[in-house]
Amino acid sequence: MEKQDAAVLRKQQEQRNAARASQREQDLTAIMKTTHGRRFVMDLLVSCGCDPSRTVTSMTGNSRTYELEGMRKVGVTLQAEVIDKCEDLYFTMLREHFDSKRANSNDRTNRTDG
């Protein structure tokens, strides 16, 4: 009887895990479908050190390095999940990010030229 109870509990847990994963995927897709959501996710990735236009080259081995690497791991994990669940929207987000950076760069150039 105990083996059956354990099997039932295991199956229930698997169903709960599958439901949570499905909800997470739906949530992420809903966020990435909006311009505001993509901008928020990109800002989060950038703040975690996952800015695709920059590379980190300094690894000093001190506590700050470990802190930055921990932040980066969070960003890399989120980035992988976004690519896995909604790859097309990830590339839309990148395009919007680079377009925004280009526009901001042009604004600064125009202000210094004038």
N, C-alpha and C. Protein backbone atom coordinates (compact mmCIF):
# COMPACT_ATOMS: atom_id res chain seq x y z
N MET A 1 0.81 -1.19 0.00
CA MET A 1 0.00 0.00 0.00
C MET A 1 0.86 1.26 0.00
N GLU A 2 1.98 1.25 0.72
CA GLU A 2 2.85 2.41 0.79
C GLU A 2 3.47 2.74 -0.56
N LYS A 3 3.80 1.72 -1.35
CA LYS A 3 4.36 1.95 -2.68
C LYS A 3 3.36 2.66 -3.57
N GLN A 4 2.08 2.28 -3.46
CA GLN A 4 1.04 2.94 -4.25
C GLN A 4 0.88 4.38 -3.83
N ASP A 5 0.90 4.63 -2.51
CA ASP A 5 0.77 6.00 -2.01
C ASP A 5 1.93 6.86 -2.49
N ALA A 6 3.13 6.31 -2.44
CA ALA A 6 4.31 7.04 -2.90
C ALA A 6 4.22 7.33 -4.40
N ALA A 7 3.74 6.37 -5.17
CA ALA A 7 3.59 6.57 -6.61
C ALA A 7 2.55 7.64 -6.91
N VAL A 8 1.46 7.64 -6.17
CA VAL A 8 0.41 8.65 -6.35
C VAL A 8 0.94 10.04 -6.01
N LEU A 9 1.66 10.13 -4.89
CA LEU A 9 2.24 11.41 -4.48
C LEU A 9 3.25 11.92 -5.50
N ARG A 10 4.06 11.00 -6.02
CA ARG A 10 5.06 11.37 -7.04
C ARG A 10 4.37 11.88 -8.30
N LYS A 11 3.31 11.21 -8.72
CA LYS A 11 2.57 11.63 -9.92
C LYS A 11 1.92 13.00 -9.70
N GLN A 12 1.35 13.21 -8.52
CA GLN A 12 0.75 14.51 -8.21
C GLN A 12 1.79 15.62 -8.23
N GLN A 13 2.97 15.34 -7.69
CA GLN A 13 4.04 16.33 -7.69
C GLN A 13 4.49 16.63 -9.12
N GLU A 14 4.60 15.62 -9.95
CA GLU A 14 4.98 15.81 -11.35
C GLU A 14 3.94 16.67 -12.07
N GLN A 15 2.66 16.44 -11.78
CA GLN A 15 1.60 17.24 -12.40
C GLN A 15 1.68 18.70 -11.95
N ARG A 16 1.95 18.92 -10.66
CA ARG A 16 2.08 20.29 -10.15
C ARG A 16 3.28 20.98 -10.80
N ASN A 17 4.40 20.25 -10.92
CA ASN A 17 5.59 20.82 -11.55
C ASN A 17 5.33 21.17 -13.01
N ALA A 18 4.63 20.29 -13.72
CA ALA A 18 4.31 20.55 -15.13
C ALA A 18 3.39 21.77 -15.25
N ALA A 19 2.43 21.89 -14.35
CA ALA A 19 1.52 23.04 -14.38
C ALA A 19 2.28 24.33 -14.11
N ARG A 20 3.22 24.29 -13.14
CA ARG A 20 4.03 25.48 -12.85
C ARG A 20 4.90 25.87 -14.04
N ALA A 21 5.50 24.89 -14.68
CA ALA A 21 6.35 25.16 -15.84
C ALA A 21 5.53 25.75 -16.98
N SER A 22 4.35 25.21 -17.19
CA SER A 22 3.47 25.72 -18.24
C SER A 22 3.05 27.16 -17.94
N GLN A 23 2.72 27.44 -16.69
CA GLN A 23 2.34 28.80 -16.30
C GLN A 23 3.50 29.77 -16.47
N ARG A 24 4.70 29.33 -16.11
CA ARG A 24 5.89 30.18 -16.26
C ARG A 24 6.13 30.51 -17.73
N GLU A 25 5.98 29.51 -18.58
CA GLU A 25 6.16 29.74 -20.02
C GLU A 25 5.12 30.73 -20.55
N GLN A 26 3.87 30.57 -20.13
CA GLN A 26 2.80 31.49 -20.54
C GLN A 26 3.10 32.91 -20.05
N ASP A 27 3.56 33.03 -18.80
CA ASP A 27 3.88 34.34 -18.24
C ASP A 27 5.01 35.00 -19.02
N LEU A 28 6.06 34.26 -19.28
CA LEU A 28 7.21 34.80 -20.00
C LEU A 28 6.80 35.23 -21.41
N THR A 29 6.02 34.42 -22.08
CA THR A 29 5.58 34.77 -23.43
C THR A 29 4.71 36.03 -23.41
N ALA A 30 3.82 36.14 -22.42
CA ALA A 30 2.97 37.33 -22.31
C ALA A 30 3.82 38.58 -22.08
N ILE A 31 4.84 38.46 -21.24
CA ILE A 31 5.73 39.60 -20.99
C ILE A 31 6.48 39.99 -22.25
N MET A 32 7.01 38.99 -22.96
CA MET A 32 7.82 39.26 -24.15
C MET A 32 7.00 39.73 -25.34
N LYS A 33 5.69 39.56 -25.30
CA LYS A 33 4.84 40.01 -26.41
C LYS A 33 4.62 41.52 -26.40
N THR A 34 4.96 42.17 -25.29
CA THR A 34 4.75 43.62 -25.22
C THR A 34 6.09 44.35 -25.32
N THR A 35 6.06 45.53 -25.90
CA THR A 35 7.25 46.37 -25.98
C THR A 35 7.77 46.68 -24.58
N HIS A 36 6.85 47.00 -23.68
CA HIS A 36 7.24 47.31 -22.31
C HIS A 36 7.93 46.11 -21.65
N GLY A 37 7.38 44.93 -21.86
CA GLY A 37 7.96 43.73 -21.28
C GLY A 37 9.34 43.43 -21.82
N ARG A 38 9.49 43.56 -23.14
CA ARG A 38 10.81 43.31 -23.75
C ARG A 38 11.83 44.33 -23.24
N ARG A 39 11.42 45.58 -23.11
CA ARG A 39 12.32 46.61 -22.61
C ARG A 39 12.74 46.29 -21.16
N PHE A 40 11.78 45.84 -20.35
CA PHE A 40 12.06 45.48 -18.96
C PHE A 40 13.04 44.31 -18.89
N VAL A 41 12.79 43.27 -19.68
CA VAL A 41 13.67 42.09 -19.68
C VAL A 41 15.07 42.48 -20.16
N MET A 42 15.16 43.32 -21.19
CA MET A 42 16.47 43.74 -21.69
C MET A 42 17.20 44.55 -20.63
N ASP A 43 16.50 45.46 -19.95
CA ASP A 43 17.13 46.23 -18.87
C ASP A 43 17.63 45.30 -17.77
N LEU A 44 16.86 44.27 -17.46
CA LEU A 44 17.27 43.30 -16.45
C LEU A 44 18.51 42.54 -16.90
N LEU A 45 18.52 42.11 -18.15
CA LEU A 45 19.70 41.41 -18.68
C LEU A 45 20.94 42.30 -18.64
N VAL A 46 20.77 43.56 -19.03
CA VAL A 46 21.90 44.49 -19.02
C VAL A 46 22.39 44.70 -17.59
N SER A 47 21.47 44.86 -16.64
CA SER A 47 21.89 45.08 -15.24
C SER A 47 22.56 43.84 -14.66
N CYS A 48 22.29 42.69 -15.24
CA CYS A 48 22.95 41.44 -14.81
C CYS A 48 24.27 41.20 -15.53
N GLY A 49 24.65 42.12 -16.40
CA GLY A 49 25.92 41.98 -17.11
C GLY A 49 25.80 41.18 -18.39
N CYS A 50 24.60 41.08 -18.93
CA CYS A 50 24.39 40.32 -20.17
C CYS A 50 24.07 41.24 -21.34
N ASP A 51 24.66 42.42 -21.35
CA ASP A 51 24.45 43.35 -22.46
C ASP A 51 25.18 42.80 -23.68
N PRO A 52 24.42 42.50 -24.75
CA PRO A 52 25.07 41.89 -25.92
C PRO A 52 26.06 42.81 -26.62
N SER A 53 26.04 44.10 -26.31
CA SER A 53 26.96 45.02 -26.98
C SER A 53 28.25 45.24 -26.19
N ARG A 54 28.36 44.55 -25.05
CA ARG A 54 29.57 44.71 -24.22
C ARG A 54 30.08 43.34 -23.80
N THR A 55 31.37 43.30 -23.51
CA THR A 55 31.95 42.06 -22.99
C THR A 55 32.70 42.37 -21.70
N VAL A 56 32.68 41.43 -20.79
CA VAL A 56 33.40 41.58 -19.53
C VAL A 56 34.75 40.89 -19.69
N THR A 57 35.81 41.64 -19.45
CA THR A 57 37.13 41.06 -19.63
C THR A 57 37.93 41.02 -18.33
N SER A 58 37.49 41.73 -17.31
CA SER A 58 38.24 41.81 -16.07
C SER A 58 37.76 40.78 -15.06
N MET A 59 38.61 39.84 -14.72
CA MET A 59 38.29 38.84 -13.70
C MET A 59 39.42 38.89 -12.68
N THR A 60 39.21 39.63 -11.60
CA THR A 60 40.27 39.83 -10.62
C THR A 60 40.30 38.75 -9.55
N GLY A 61 39.21 37.98 -9.40
CA GLY A 61 39.19 36.93 -8.39
C GLY A 61 38.84 37.42 -7.02
N ASN A 62 38.44 38.67 -6.88
CA ASN A 62 38.04 39.17 -5.57
C ASN A 62 36.53 39.02 -5.39
N SER A 63 36.01 39.45 -4.25
CA SER A 63 34.59 39.25 -3.97
C SER A 63 33.69 39.97 -4.96
N ARG A 64 34.11 41.10 -5.48
CA ARG A 64 33.30 41.83 -6.48
C ARG A 64 33.15 40.99 -7.75
N THR A 65 34.20 40.32 -8.14
CA THR A 65 34.14 39.45 -9.31
C THR A 65 33.10 38.36 -9.11
N TYR A 66 33.09 37.76 -7.93
CA TYR A 66 32.12 36.69 -7.65
C TYR A 66 30.70 37.23 -7.61
N GLU A 67 30.54 38.43 -7.09
CA GLU A 67 29.22 39.06 -7.08
C GLU A 67 28.73 39.31 -8.51
N LEU A 68 29.60 39.86 -9.33
CA LEU A 68 29.24 40.13 -10.72
C LEU A 68 28.94 38.84 -11.48
N GLU A 69 29.73 37.82 -11.21
CA GLU A 69 29.51 36.54 -11.89
C GLU A 69 28.19 35.91 -11.46
N GLY A 70 27.81 36.08 -10.20
CA GLY A 70 26.51 35.60 -9.73
C GLY A 70 25.37 36.33 -10.41
N MET A 71 25.50 37.65 -10.54
CA MET A 71 24.49 38.44 -11.24
C MET A 71 24.40 37.99 -12.70
N ARG A 72 25.55 37.77 -13.30
CA ARG A 72 25.59 37.36 -14.70
C ARG A 72 24.92 36.00 -14.89
N LYS A 73 25.11 35.10 -13.94
CA LYS A 73 24.50 33.78 -14.03
C LYS A 73 22.97 33.89 -14.05
N VAL A 74 22.43 34.79 -13.24
CA VAL A 74 20.98 35.02 -13.26
C VAL A 74 20.55 35.50 -14.64
N GLY A 75 21.31 36.44 -15.19
CA GLY A 75 21.00 36.96 -16.52
C GLY A 75 21.10 35.91 -17.60
N VAL A 76 22.15 35.10 -17.55
CA VAL A 76 22.34 34.05 -18.56
C VAL A 76 21.21 33.03 -18.48
N THR A 77 20.79 32.70 -17.26
CA THR A 77 19.68 31.75 -17.08
C THR A 77 18.39 32.31 -17.68
N LEU A 78 18.10 33.58 -17.39
CA LEU A 78 16.91 34.22 -17.96
C LEU A 78 17.01 34.29 -19.48
N GLN A 79 18.16 34.68 -19.97
CA GLN A 79 18.37 34.78 -21.41
C GLN A 79 18.13 33.43 -22.09
N ALA A 80 18.65 32.37 -21.53
CA ALA A 80 18.47 31.04 -22.09
C ALA A 80 16.99 30.64 -22.10
N GLU A 81 16.29 30.99 -21.03
CA GLU A 81 14.87 30.65 -20.96
C GLU A 81 14.07 31.43 -22.00
N VAL A 82 14.39 32.71 -22.17
CA VAL A 82 13.69 33.51 -23.18
C VAL A 82 13.95 32.95 -24.57
N ILE A 83 15.20 32.61 -24.85
CA ILE A 83 15.53 32.06 -26.17
C ILE A 83 14.82 30.73 -26.37
N ASP A 84 14.77 29.90 -25.35
CA ASP A 84 14.14 28.59 -25.45
C ASP A 84 12.63 28.70 -25.66
N LYS A 85 11.98 29.62 -24.96
CA LYS A 85 10.51 29.69 -24.98
C LYS A 85 9.96 30.61 -26.06
N CYS A 86 10.69 31.67 -26.41
CA CYS A 86 10.17 32.61 -27.41
C CYS A 86 11.33 33.28 -28.15
N GLU A 87 12.01 32.46 -28.93
CA GLU A 87 13.22 32.90 -29.63
C GLU A 87 12.96 34.10 -30.54
N ASP A 88 11.86 34.09 -31.28
CA ASP A 88 11.58 35.20 -32.18
C ASP A 88 11.43 36.51 -31.43
N LEU A 89 10.80 36.48 -30.25
CA LEU A 89 10.63 37.69 -29.46
C LEU A 89 11.95 38.13 -28.83
N TYR A 90 12.84 37.19 -28.57
CA TYR A 90 14.18 37.54 -28.08
C TYR A 90 14.91 38.38 -29.12
N PHE A 91 14.84 37.96 -30.38
CA PHE A 91 15.53 38.71 -31.42
C PHE A 91 14.84 40.05 -31.69
N THR A 92 13.53 40.10 -31.52
CA THR A 92 12.82 41.38 -31.60
C THR A 92 13.35 42.32 -30.50
N MET A 93 13.50 41.78 -29.30
CA MET A 93 14.01 42.57 -28.17
C MET A 93 15.41 43.10 -28.47
N LEU A 94 16.28 42.26 -29.01
CA LEU A 94 17.64 42.71 -29.35
C LEU A 94 17.61 43.82 -30.39
N ARG A 95 16.79 43.66 -31.40
CA ARG A 95 16.68 44.68 -32.44
C ARG A 95 16.21 46.01 -31.84
N GLU A 96 15.20 45.94 -30.98
CA GLU A 96 14.70 47.16 -30.33
C GLU A 96 15.78 47.79 -29.45
N HIS A 97 16.53 46.96 -28.77
CA HIS A 97 17.60 47.46 -27.89
C HIS A 97 18.67 48.19 -28.70
N PHE A 98 19.12 47.58 -29.78
CA PHE A 98 20.15 48.21 -30.60
C PHE A 98 19.62 49.44 -31.32
N ASP A 99 18.36 49.42 -31.75
CA ASP A 99 17.76 50.60 -32.37
C ASP A 99 17.70 51.76 -31.37
N SER A 100 17.34 51.45 -30.13
CA SER A 100 17.28 52.47 -29.09
C SER A 100 18.67 53.04 -28.80
N LYS A 101 19.67 52.16 -28.72
CA LYS A 101 21.04 52.63 -28.47
C LYS A 101 21.52 53.51 -29.63
N ARG A 102 21.19 53.12 -30.84
CA ARG A 102 21.59 53.90 -32.01
C ARG A 102 20.91 55.27 -31.99
N ALA A 103 19.63 55.30 -31.67
CA ALA A 103 18.89 56.56 -31.61
C ALA A 103 19.46 57.47 -30.53
N ASN A 104 19.77 56.89 -29.36
CA ASN A 104 20.36 57.69 -28.28
C ASN A 104 21.73 58.22 -28.67
N SER A 105 22.50 57.41 -29.38
CA SER A 105 23.82 57.84 -29.83
C SER A 105 23.69 58.98 -30.84
N ASN A 106 22.73 58.87 -31.74
CA ASN A 106 22.51 59.93 -32.73
C ASN A 106 22.04 61.22 -32.06
N ASP A 107 21.20 61.11 -31.02
CA ASP A 107 20.76 62.30 -30.28
C ASP A 107 21.95 63.01 -29.65
N ARG A 108 22.86 62.25 -29.04
CA ARG A 108 24.04 62.86 -28.41
C ARG A 108 24.93 63.50 -29.46
N THR A 109 25.08 62.86 -30.60
CA THR A 109 25.91 63.40 -31.67
C THR A 109 25.31 64.70 -32.19
N ASN A 110 24.00 64.72 -32.39
CA ASN A 110 23.33 65.92 -32.89
C ASN A 110 23.44 67.07 -31.90
N ARG A 111 23.38 66.79 -30.60
CA ARG A 111 23.48 67.84 -29.60
C ARG A 111 24.89 68.43 -29.56
N THR A 112 25.90 67.63 -29.77
CA THR A 112 27.27 68.15 -29.73
C THR A 112 27.62 68.84 -31.04
N ASP A 113 26.96 68.49 -32.15
CA ASP A 113 27.23 69.11 -33.43
C ASP A 113 26.59 70.49 -33.52
N GLY A 114 25.45 70.67 -32.83
CA GLY A 114 24.65 71.91 -32.96
C GLY A 114 25.19 72.98 -32.17
